[in-house]
Amino acid sequence: MAALCVCRFARRGWLWKGALAARRDFWSRFRKEKEPVVAEAVEEVKTEPVLVCPPLRSRAYTPPDDLQSRLESCLKEVLGSSLPSNWQDISLDDGSM
């Protein structure tokens, strides 16, 4: 009976050691496949940002060529036929028109 117990213990020990060895082989395979990751030295190239600004606006006002005729036609619409010949001299504060 003692021999039987020793045999069972020996078998269990062998199985246990076999399972450990199999587990170790299983996990070590993944460890061996991993290669150390080497970060490549990236060379940073600093460039100045390209800022494209719109052209500056001219502050000199150039009125349209036909401004006088446009203004005269607008005044004729508002005042009608009572527009005097000297329409440029009409005061805007004058309420008689």
PDB file of N, CA and C in Angstrom:
ATOM      1  N   MET A   1       0.825  -1.173   0.000  1.00  0.00           N
ATOM      2  CA  MET A   1       0.000   0.000   0.000  1.00  0.00           C
ATOM      3  C   MET A   1       0.877   1.247   0.000  1.00  0.00           C
ATOM      4  N   ALA A   2       1.950   1.205   0.758  1.00  0.00           N
ATOM      5  CA  ALA A   2       2.856   2.341   0.801  1.00  0.00           C
ATOM      6  C   ALA A   2       3.478   2.559  -0.563  1.00  0.00           C
ATOM      7  N   ALA A   3       3.741   1.468  -1.236  1.00  0.00           N
ATOM      8  CA  ALA A   3       4.316   1.586  -2.573  1.00  0.00           C
ATOM      9  C   ALA A   3       3.314   2.231  -3.520  1.00  0.00           C
ATOM     10  N   LEU A   4       2.049   1.901  -3.327  1.00  0.00           N
ATOM     11  CA  LEU A   4       0.997   2.472  -4.157  1.00  0.00           C
ATOM     12  C   LEU A   4       0.864   3.974  -3.903  1.00  0.00           C
ATOM     13  N   CYS A   5       0.948   4.359  -2.621  1.00  0.00           N
ATOM     14  CA  CYS A   5       0.871   5.786  -2.283  1.00  0.00           C
ATOM     15  C   CYS A   5       2.059   6.537  -2.854  1.00  0.00           C
ATOM     16  N   VAL A   6       3.234   5.968  -2.775  1.00  0.00           N
ATOM     17  CA  VAL A   6       4.428   6.611  -3.310  1.00  0.00           C
ATOM     18  C   VAL A   6       4.312   6.733  -4.818  1.00  0.00           C
ATOM     19  N   CYS A   7       3.737   5.699  -5.417  1.00  0.00           N
ATOM     20  CA  CYS A   7       3.579   5.716  -6.869  1.00  0.00           C
ATOM     21  C   CYS A   7       2.609   6.827  -7.286  1.00  0.00           C
ATOM     22  N   ARG A   8       1.501   6.975  -6.528  1.00  0.00           N
ATOM     23  CA  ARG A   8       0.532   8.030  -6.851  1.00  0.00           C
ATOM     24  C   ARG A   8       1.173   9.413  -6.642  1.00  0.00           C
ATOM     25  N   PHE A   9       1.910   9.547  -5.557  1.00  0.00           N
ATOM     26  CA  PHE A   9       2.565  10.816  -5.275  1.00  0.00           C
ATOM     27  C   PHE A   9       3.578  11.145  -6.369  1.00  0.00           C
ATOM     28  N   ALA A  10       4.312  10.122  -6.768  1.00  0.00           N
ATOM     29  CA  ALA A  10       5.315  10.314  -7.809  1.00  0.00           C
ATOM     30  C   ALA A  10       4.633  10.702  -9.116  1.00  0.00           C
ATOM     31  N   ARG A  11       3.484  10.070  -9.378  1.00  0.00           N
ATOM     32  CA  ARG A  11       2.769  10.398 -10.607  1.00  0.00           C
ATOM     33  C   ARG A  11       2.234  11.832 -10.557  1.00  0.00           C
ATOM     34  N   ARG A  12       1.688  12.178  -9.396  1.00  0.00           N
ATOM     35  CA  ARG A  12       1.164  13.540  -9.262  1.00  0.00           C
ATOM     36  C   ARG A  12       2.299  14.559  -9.382  1.00  0.00           C
ATOM     37  N   GLY A  13       3.400  14.262  -8.764  1.00  0.00           N
ATOM     38  CA  GLY A  13       4.543  15.163  -8.840  1.00  0.00           C
ATOM     39  C   GLY A  13       5.044  15.307 -10.271  1.00  0.00           C
ATOM     40  N   TRP A  14       5.044  14.212 -10.985  1.00  0.00           N
ATOM     41  CA  TRP A  14       5.502  14.231 -12.369  1.00  0.00           C
ATOM     42  C   TRP A  14       4.518  15.022 -13.237  1.00  0.00           C
ATOM     43  N   LEU A  15       3.237  14.793 -12.987  1.00  0.00           N
ATOM     44  CA  LEU A  15       2.237  15.533 -13.757  1.00  0.00           C
ATOM     45  C   LEU A  15       2.322  17.026 -13.448  1.00  0.00           C
ATOM     46  N   TRP A  16       2.506  17.302 -12.173  1.00  0.00           N
ATOM     47  CA  TRP A  16       2.577  18.697 -11.760  1.00  0.00           C
ATOM     48  C   TRP A  16       3.783  19.384 -12.390  1.00  0.00           C
ATOM     49  N   LYS A  17       4.928  18.670 -12.368  1.00  0.00           N
ATOM     50  CA  LYS A  17       6.132  19.223 -12.976  1.00  0.00           C
ATOM     51  C   LYS A  17       5.964  19.339 -14.484  1.00  0.00           C
ATOM     52  N   GLY A  18       5.274  18.402 -15.062  1.00  0.00           N
ATOM     53  CA  GLY A  18       5.024  18.449 -16.512  1.00  0.00           C
ATOM     54  C   GLY A  18       4.124  19.618 -16.870  1.00  0.00           C
ATOM     55  N   ALA A  19       3.107  19.839 -16.029  1.00  0.00           N
ATOM     56  CA  ALA A  19       2.198  20.959 -16.285  1.00  0.00           C
ATOM     57  C   ALA A  19       2.939  22.282 -16.136  1.00  0.00           C
ATOM     58  N   LEU A  20       3.818  22.354 -15.124  1.00  0.00           N
ATOM     59  CA  LEU A  20       4.602  23.570 -14.946  1.00  0.00           C
ATOM     60  C   LEU A  20       5.516  23.814 -16.133  1.00  0.00           C
ATOM     61  N   ALA A  21       6.126  22.750 -16.606  1.00  0.00           N
ATOM     62  CA  ALA A  21       7.035  22.890 -17.738  1.00  0.00           C
ATOM     63  C   ALA A  21       6.268  23.313 -18.987  1.00  0.00           C
ATOM     64  N   ALA A  22       5.090  22.733 -19.172  1.00  0.00           N
ATOM     65  CA  ALA A  22       4.289  23.094 -20.342  1.00  0.00           C
ATOM     66  C   ALA A  22       3.843  24.552 -20.251  1.00  0.00           C
ATOM     67  N   ARG A  23       3.436  24.982 -19.054  1.00  0.00           N
ATOM     68  CA  ARG A  23       3.009  26.362 -18.868  1.00  0.00           C
ATOM     69  C   ARG A  23       4.174  27.317 -19.102  1.00  0.00           C
ATOM     70  N   ARG A  24       5.332  26.947 -18.603  1.00  0.00           N
ATOM     71  CA  ARG A  24       6.513  27.781 -18.770  1.00  0.00           C
ATOM     72  C   ARG A  24       6.865  27.894 -20.254  1.00  0.00           C
ATOM     73  N   ASP A  25       6.797  26.770 -20.966  1.00  0.00           N
ATOM     74  CA  ASP A  25       7.094  26.800 -22.401  1.00  0.00           C
ATOM     75  C   ASP A  25       6.076  27.655 -23.154  1.00  0.00           C
ATOM     76  N   PHE A  26       4.827  27.558 -22.738  1.00  0.00           N
ATOM     77  CA  PHE A  26       3.766  28.316 -23.403  1.00  0.00           C
ATOM     78  C   PHE A  26       4.005  29.819 -23.270  1.00  0.00           C
ATOM     79  N   TRP A  27       4.266  30.274 -22.049  1.00  0.00           N
ATOM     80  CA  TRP A  27       4.431  31.707 -21.830  1.00  0.00           C
ATOM     81  C   TRP A  27       5.791  32.198 -22.286  1.00  0.00           C
ATOM     82  N   SER A  28       6.807  31.371 -22.217  1.00  0.00           N
ATOM     83  CA  SER A  28       8.128  31.823 -22.644  1.00  0.00           C
ATOM     84  C   SER A  28       8.178  31.992 -24.157  1.00  0.00           C
ATOM     85  N   ARG A  29       7.332  31.281 -24.867  1.00  0.00           N
ATOM     86  CA  ARG A  29       7.298  31.425 -26.315  1.00  0.00           C
ATOM     87  C   ARG A  29       6.899  32.864 -26.681  1.00  0.00           C
ATOM     88  N   PHE A  30       5.922  33.419 -25.957  1.00  0.00           N
ATOM     89  CA  PHE A  30       5.502  34.789 -26.230  1.00  0.00           C
ATOM     90  C   PHE A  30       6.583  35.784 -25.823  1.00  0.00           C
ATOM     91  N   ARG A  31       7.277  35.484 -24.775  1.00  0.00           N
ATOM     92  CA  ARG A  31       8.337  36.381 -24.335  1.00  0.00           C
ATOM     93  C   ARG A  31       9.485  36.386 -25.333  1.00  0.00           C
ATOM     94  N   LYS A  32       9.772  35.253 -25.912  1.00  0.00           N
ATOM     95  CA  LYS A  32      10.882  35.166 -26.843  1.00  0.00           C
ATOM     96  C   LYS A  32      10.559  35.870 -28.159  1.00  0.00           C
ATOM     97  N   GLU A  33       9.298  35.865 -28.550  1.00  0.00           N
ATOM     98  CA  GLU A  33       8.930  36.464 -29.827  1.00  0.00           C
ATOM     99  C   GLU A  33       9.001  37.986 -29.787  1.00  0.00           C
ATOM    100  N   LYS A  34       8.819  38.557 -28.619  1.00  0.00           N
ATOM    101  CA  LYS A  34       8.858  40.011 -28.532  1.00  0.00           C
ATOM    102  C   LYS A  34      10.294  40.490 -28.659  1.00  0.00           C
ATOM    103  N   GLU A  35      10.475  41.407 -29.576  1.00  0.00           N
ATOM    104  CA  GLU A  35      11.789  42.003 -29.729  1.00  0.00           C
ATOM    105  C   GLU A  35      11.748  43.387 -29.099  1.00  0.00           C
ATOM    106  N   PRO A  36      12.840  43.799 -28.566  1.00  0.00           N
ATOM    107  CA  PRO A  36      12.833  45.136 -27.948  1.00  0.00           C
ATOM    108  C   PRO A  36      12.538  46.203 -29.004  1.00  0.00           C
ATOM    109  N   VAL A  37      11.680  47.094 -28.644  1.00  0.00           N
ATOM    110  CA  VAL A  37      11.290  48.160 -29.558  1.00  0.00           C
ATOM    111  C   VAL A  37      12.303  49.285 -29.439  1.00  0.00           C
ATOM    112  N   VAL A  38      12.893  49.602 -30.544  1.00  0.00           N
ATOM    113  CA  VAL A  38      13.891  50.659 -30.564  1.00  0.00           C
ATOM    114  C   VAL A  38      13.246  51.868 -31.230  1.00  0.00           C
ATOM    115  N   ALA A  39      13.152  52.933 -30.492  1.00  0.00           N
ATOM    116  CA  ALA A  39      12.563  54.151 -31.043  1.00  0.00           C
ATOM    117  C   ALA A  39      13.580  54.821 -31.951  1.00  0.00           C
ATOM    118  N   GLU A  40      13.136  55.083 -33.169  1.00  0.00           N
ATOM    119  CA  GLU A  40      14.032  55.735 -34.108  1.00  0.00           C
ATOM    120  C   GLU A  40      14.126  57.214 -33.762  1.00  0.00           C
ATOM    121  N   ALA A  41      15.287  57.725 -33.925  1.00  0.00           N
ATOM    122  CA  ALA A  41      15.487  59.145 -33.642  1.00  0.00           C
ATOM    123  C   ALA A  41      14.867  59.951 -34.778  1.00  0.00           C
ATOM    124  N   VAL A  42      13.805  60.648 -34.461  1.00  0.00           N
ATOM    125  CA  VAL A  42      13.124  61.453 -35.464  1.00  0.00           C
ATOM    126  C   VAL A  42      13.763  62.828 -35.483  1.00  0.00           C
ATOM    127  N   GLU A  43      14.181  63.212 -36.645  1.00  0.00           N
ATOM    128  CA  GLU A  43      14.838  64.504 -36.779  1.00  0.00           C
ATOM    129  C   GLU A  43      13.765  65.568 -36.980  1.00  0.00           C
ATOM    130  N   GLU A  44      13.654  66.456 -36.013  1.00  0.00           N
ATOM    131  CA  GLU A  44      12.637  67.499 -36.088  1.00  0.00           C
ATOM    132  C   GLU A  44      13.137  68.638 -36.965  1.00  0.00           C
ATOM    133  N   VAL A  45      12.325  68.946 -37.939  1.00  0.00           N
ATOM    134  CA  VAL A  45      12.654  70.045 -38.831  1.00  0.00           C
ATOM    135  C   VAL A  45      11.708  71.182 -38.499  1.00  0.00           C
ATOM    136  N   LYS A  46      12.260  72.241 -37.957  1.00  0.00           N
ATOM    137  CA  LYS A  46      11.430  73.381 -37.586  1.00  0.00           C
ATOM    138  C   LYS A  46      11.412  74.366 -38.747  1.00  0.00           C
ATOM    139  N   THR A  47      10.223  74.561 -39.263  1.00  0.00           N
ATOM    140  CA  THR A  47      10.061  75.524 -40.341  1.00  0.00           C
ATOM    141  C   THR A  47       9.168  76.644 -39.850  1.00  0.00           C
ATOM    142  N   GLU A  48       9.412  77.793 -40.363  1.00  0.00           N
ATOM    143  CA  GLU A  48       8.592  78.941 -40.002  1.00  0.00           C
ATOM    144  C   GLU A  48       7.222  78.774 -40.657  1.00  0.00           C
ATOM    145  N   PRO A  49       6.153  79.036 -39.925  1.00  0.00           N
ATOM    146  CA  PRO A  49       4.834  78.912 -40.529  1.00  0.00           C
ATOM    147  C   PRO A  49       4.642  79.977 -41.608  1.00  0.00           C
ATOM    148  N   VAL A  50       3.993  79.554 -42.648  1.00  0.00           N
ATOM    149  CA  VAL A  50       3.754  80.468 -43.755  1.00  0.00           C
ATOM    150  C   VAL A  50       2.466  81.217 -43.469  1.00  0.00           C
ATOM    151  N   LEU A  51       2.597  82.490 -43.193  1.00  0.00           N
ATOM    152  CA  LEU A  51       1.437  83.329 -42.923  1.00  0.00           C
ATOM    153  C   LEU A  51       1.207  84.225 -44.129  1.00  0.00           C
ATOM    154  N   VAL A  52       0.124  83.967 -44.808  1.00  0.00           N
ATOM    155  CA  VAL A  52      -0.205  84.764 -45.975  1.00  0.00           C
ATOM    156  C   VAL A  52      -1.287  85.745 -45.568  1.00  0.00           C
ATOM    157  N   CYS A  53      -0.930  86.990 -45.513  1.00  0.00           N
ATOM    158  CA  CYS A  53      -1.881  88.038 -45.144  1.00  0.00           C
ATOM    159  C   CYS A  53      -2.485  88.624 -46.413  1.00  0.00           C
ATOM    160  N   PRO A  54      -3.741  89.018 -46.335  1.00  0.00           N
ATOM    161  CA  PRO A  54      -4.334  89.662 -47.507  1.00  0.00           C
ATOM    162  C   PRO A  54      -3.678  91.021 -47.730  1.00  0.00           C
ATOM    163  N   PRO A  55      -3.734  91.502 -48.943  1.00  0.00           N
ATOM    164  CA  PRO A  55      -3.118  92.812 -49.188  1.00  0.00           C
ATOM    165  C   PRO A  55      -3.836  93.892 -48.388  1.00  0.00           C
ATOM    166  N   LEU A  56      -3.086  94.881 -47.987  1.00  0.00           N
ATOM    167  CA  LEU A  56      -3.657  95.963 -47.199  1.00  0.00           C
ATOM    168  C   LEU A  56      -4.658  96.754 -48.034  1.00  0.00           C
ATOM    169  N   ARG A  57      -5.741  97.126 -47.380  1.00  0.00           N
ATOM    170  CA  ARG A  57      -6.757  97.905 -48.072  1.00  0.00           C
ATOM    171  C   ARG A  57      -6.300  99.351 -48.183  1.00  0.00           C
ATOM    172  N   SER A  58      -6.616  99.924 -49.289  1.00  0.00           N
ATOM    173  CA  SER A  58      -6.285 101.321 -49.492  1.00  0.00           C
ATOM    174  C   SER A  58      -7.269 102.173 -48.709  1.00  0.00           C
ATOM    175  N   ARG A  59      -6.753 103.154 -48.016  1.00  0.00           N
ATOM    176  CA  ARG A  59      -7.619 104.028 -47.233  1.00  0.00           C
ATOM    177  C   ARG A  59      -8.119 105.210 -48.065  1.00  0.00           C
ATOM    178  N   ALA A  60      -7.644 105.357 -49.252  1.00  0.00           N
ATOM    179  CA  ALA A  60      -8.095 106.440 -50.119  1.00  0.00           C
ATOM    180  C   ALA A  60      -9.377 105.986 -50.812  1.00  0.00           C
ATOM    181  N   TYR A  61     -10.440 106.750 -50.610  1.00  0.00           N
ATOM    182  CA  TYR A  61     -11.727 106.412 -51.212  1.00  0.00           C
ATOM    183  C   TYR A  61     -11.803 107.025 -52.600  1.00  0.00           C
ATOM    184  N   THR A  62     -12.123 106.196 -53.552  1.00  0.00           N
ATOM    185  CA  THR A  62     -12.343 106.697 -54.908  1.00  0.00           C
ATOM    186  C   THR A  62     -13.809 106.453 -55.239  1.00  0.00           C
ATOM    187  N   PRO A  63     -14.601 107.502 -55.323  1.00  0.00           N
ATOM    188  CA  PRO A  63     -16.025 107.346 -55.612  1.00  0.00           C
ATOM    189  C   PRO A  63     -16.234 106.895 -57.057  1.00  0.00           C
ATOM    190  N   PRO A  64     -17.387 106.322 -57.324  1.00  0.00           N
ATOM    191  CA  PRO A  64     -17.657 105.912 -58.708  1.00  0.00           C
ATOM    192  C   PRO A  64     -17.692 107.132 -59.637  1.00  0.00           C
ATOM    193  N   ASP A  65     -17.417 106.866 -60.882  1.00  0.00           N
ATOM    194  CA  ASP A  65     -17.338 107.962 -61.853  1.00  0.00           C
ATOM    195  C   ASP A  65     -18.687 108.667 -62.040  1.00  0.00           C
ATOM    196  N   ASP A  66     -19.770 107.924 -61.965  1.00  0.00           N
ATOM    197  CA  ASP A  66     -21.090 108.508 -62.221  1.00  0.00           C
ATOM    198  C   ASP A  66     -21.826 108.846 -60.922  1.00  0.00           C
ATOM    199  N   LEU A  67     -21.102 109.187 -59.884  1.00  0.00           N
ATOM    200  CA  LEU A  67     -21.721 109.486 -58.592  1.00  0.00           C
ATOM    201  C   LEU A  67     -22.657 110.700 -58.665  1.00  0.00           C
ATOM    202  N   GLN A  68     -22.246 111.710 -59.399  1.00  0.00           N
ATOM    203  CA  GLN A  68     -23.062 112.926 -59.486  1.00  0.00           C
ATOM    204  C   GLN A  68     -24.392 112.634 -60.181  1.00  0.00           C
ATOM    205  N   SER A  69     -24.360 111.857 -61.241  1.00  0.00           N
ATOM    206  CA  SER A  69     -25.612 111.552 -61.949  1.00  0.00           C
ATOM    207  C   SER A  69     -26.500 110.629 -61.108  1.00  0.00           C
ATOM    208  N   ARG A  70     -25.911 109.715 -60.355  1.00  0.00           N
ATOM    209  CA  ARG A  70     -26.701 108.841 -59.471  1.00  0.00           C
ATOM    210  C   ARG A  70     -27.395 109.663 -58.383  1.00  0.00           C
ATOM    211  N   LEU A  71     -26.658 110.564 -57.774  1.00  0.00           N
ATOM    212  CA  LEU A  71     -27.219 111.400 -56.719  1.00  0.00           C
ATOM    213  C   LEU A  71     -28.345 112.290 -57.259  1.00  0.00           C
ATOM    214  N   GLU A  72     -28.148 112.821 -58.432  1.00  0.00           N
ATOM    215  CA  GLU A  72     -29.170 113.673 -59.040  1.00  0.00           C
ATOM    216  C   GLU A  72     -30.435 112.876 -59.333  1.00  0.00           C
ATOM    217  N   SER A  73     -30.292 111.646 -59.818  1.00  0.00           N
ATOM    218  CA  SER A  73     -31.480 110.831 -60.117  1.00  0.00           C
ATOM    219  C   SER A  73     -32.209 110.431 -58.832  1.00  0.00           C
ATOM    220  N   CYS A  74     -31.468 110.174 -57.743  1.00  0.00           N
ATOM    221  CA  CYS A  74     -32.118 109.841 -56.460  1.00  0.00           C
ATOM    222  C   CYS A  74     -32.890 111.046 -55.924  1.00  0.00           C
ATOM    223  N   LEU A  75     -32.328 112.229 -56.046  1.00  0.00           N
ATOM    224  CA  LEU A  75     -33.020 113.438 -55.584  1.00  0.00           C
ATOM    225  C   LEU A  75     -34.272 113.717 -56.424  1.00  0.00           C
ATOM    226  N   LYS A  76     -34.219 113.436 -57.723  1.00  0.00           N
ATOM    227  CA  LYS A  76     -35.392 113.636 -58.585  1.00  0.00           C
ATOM    228  C   LYS A  76     -36.513 112.685 -58.177  1.00  0.00           C
ATOM    229  N   GLU A  77     -36.132 111.436 -57.752  1.00  0.00           N
ATOM    230  CA  GLU A  77     -37.156 110.481 -57.300  1.00  0.00           C
ATOM    231  C   GLU A  77     -37.825 110.980 -56.023  1.00  0.00           C
ATOM    232  N   VAL A  78     -37.041 111.530 -55.109  1.00  0.00           N
ATOM    233  CA  VAL A  78     -37.573 111.954 -53.816  1.00  0.00           C
ATOM    234  C   VAL A  78     -38.349 113.272 -53.951  1.00  0.00           C
ATOM    235  N   LEU A  79     -37.745 114.250 -54.587  1.00  0.00           N
ATOM    236  CA  LEU A  79     -38.346 115.582 -54.647  1.00  0.00           C
ATOM    237  C   LEU A  79     -39.258 115.781 -55.859  1.00  0.00           C
ATOM    238  N   GLY A  80     -39.160 114.897 -56.818  1.00  0.00           N
ATOM    239  CA  GLY A  80     -40.007 115.022 -58.011  1.00  0.00           C
ATOM    240  C   GLY A  80     -39.484 116.099 -58.949  1.00  0.00           C
ATOM    241  N   SER A  81     -40.409 116.705 -59.684  1.00  0.00           N
ATOM    242  CA  SER A  81     -40.024 117.701 -60.693  1.00  0.00           C
ATOM    243  C   SER A  81     -39.684 119.053 -60.079  1.00  0.00           C
ATOM    244  N   SER A  82     -39.862 119.198 -58.778  1.00  0.00           N
ATOM    245  CA  SER A  82     -39.568 120.478 -58.131  1.00  0.00           C
ATOM    246  C   SER A  82     -38.083 120.661 -57.818  1.00  0.00           C
ATOM    247  N   LEU A  83     -37.266 119.815 -58.373  1.00  0.00           N
ATOM    248  CA  LEU A  83     -35.818 119.905 -58.133  1.00  0.00           C
ATOM    249  C   LEU A  83     -35.276 121.136 -58.862  1.00  0.00           C
ATOM    250  N   PRO A  84     -34.696 122.074 -58.144  1.00  0.00           N
ATOM    251  CA  PRO A  84     -34.169 123.276 -58.806  1.00  0.00           C
ATOM    252  C   PRO A  84     -32.905 122.962 -59.603  1.00  0.00           C
ATOM    253  N   SER A  85     -32.548 123.871 -60.440  1.00  0.00           N
ATOM    254  CA  SER A  85     -31.360 123.654 -61.278  1.00  0.00           C
ATOM    255  C   SER A  85     -30.080 123.667 -60.442  1.00  0.00           C
ATOM    256  N   ASN A  86     -30.100 124.344 -59.349  1.00  0.00           N
ATOM    257  CA  ASN A  86     -28.917 124.363 -58.470  1.00  0.00           C
ATOM    258  C   ASN A  86     -29.119 123.342 -57.327  1.00  0.00           C
ATOM    259  N   TRP A  87     -29.395 122.087 -57.655  1.00  0.00           N
ATOM    260  CA  TRP A  87     -29.716 121.043 -56.681  1.00  0.00           C
ATOM    261  C   TRP A  87     -28.544 120.750 -55.742  1.00  0.00           C
ATOM    262  N   GLN A  88     -27.324 121.071 -56.160  1.00  0.00           N
ATOM    263  CA  GLN A  88     -26.154 120.799 -55.317  1.00  0.00           C
ATOM    264  C   GLN A  88     -26.072 121.783 -54.145  1.00  0.00           C
ATOM    265  N   ASP A  89     -26.749 122.913 -54.242  1.00  0.00           N
ATOM    266  CA  ASP A  89     -26.697 123.926 -53.185  1.00  0.00           C
ATOM    267  C   ASP A  89     -27.845 123.792 -52.192  1.00  0.00           C
ATOM    268  N   ILE A  90     -28.673 122.752 -52.303  1.00  0.00           N
ATOM    269  CA  ILE A  90     -29.816 122.576 -51.407  1.00  0.00           C
ATOM    270  C   ILE A  90     -29.295 122.182 -50.028  1.00  0.00           C
ATOM    271  N   SER A  91     -29.775 122.840 -48.999  1.00  0.00           N
ATOM    272  CA  SER A  91     -29.391 122.514 -47.629  1.00  0.00           C
ATOM    273  C   SER A  91     -30.249 121.345 -47.150  1.00  0.00           C
ATOM    274  N   LEU A  92     -29.640 120.375 -46.546  1.00  0.00           N
ATOM    275  CA  LEU A  92     -30.394 119.218 -46.053  1.00  0.00           C
ATOM    276  C   LEU A  92     -31.208 119.573 -44.821  1.00  0.00           C
ATOM    277  N   ASP A  93     -30.813 120.623 -44.132  1.00  0.00           N
ATOM    278  CA  ASP A  93     -31.554 121.056 -42.952  1.00  0.00           C
ATOM    279  C   ASP A  93     -32.823 121.821 -43.330  1.00  0.00           C
ATOM    280  N   ASP A  94     -32.888 122.260 -44.546  1.00  0.00           N
ATOM    281  CA  ASP A  94     -34.047 123.035 -44.989  1.00  0.00           C
ATOM    282  C   ASP A  94     -35.244 122.099 -45.138  1.00  0.00           C
ATOM    283  N   GLY A  95     -36.300 122.333 -44.402  1.00  0.00           N
ATOM    284  CA  GLY A  95     -37.462 121.448 -44.442  1.00  0.00           C
ATOM    285  C   GLY A  95     -38.489 121.861 -45.468  1.00  0.00           C
ATOM    286  N   SER A  96     -38.243 122.911 -46.238  1.00  0.00           N
ATOM    287  CA  SER A  96     -39.227 123.379 -47.211  1.00  0.00           C
ATOM    288  C   SER A  96     -39.291 122.489 -48.430  1.00  0.00           C
ATOM    289  N   MET A  97     -38.302 121.733 -48.674  1.00  0.00           N
ATOM    290  CA  MET A  97     -38.301 120.883 -49.859  1.00  0.00           C
ATOM    291  C   MET A  97     -39.013 119.593 -49.626  1.00  0.00           C
TER     292      MET A  97
END
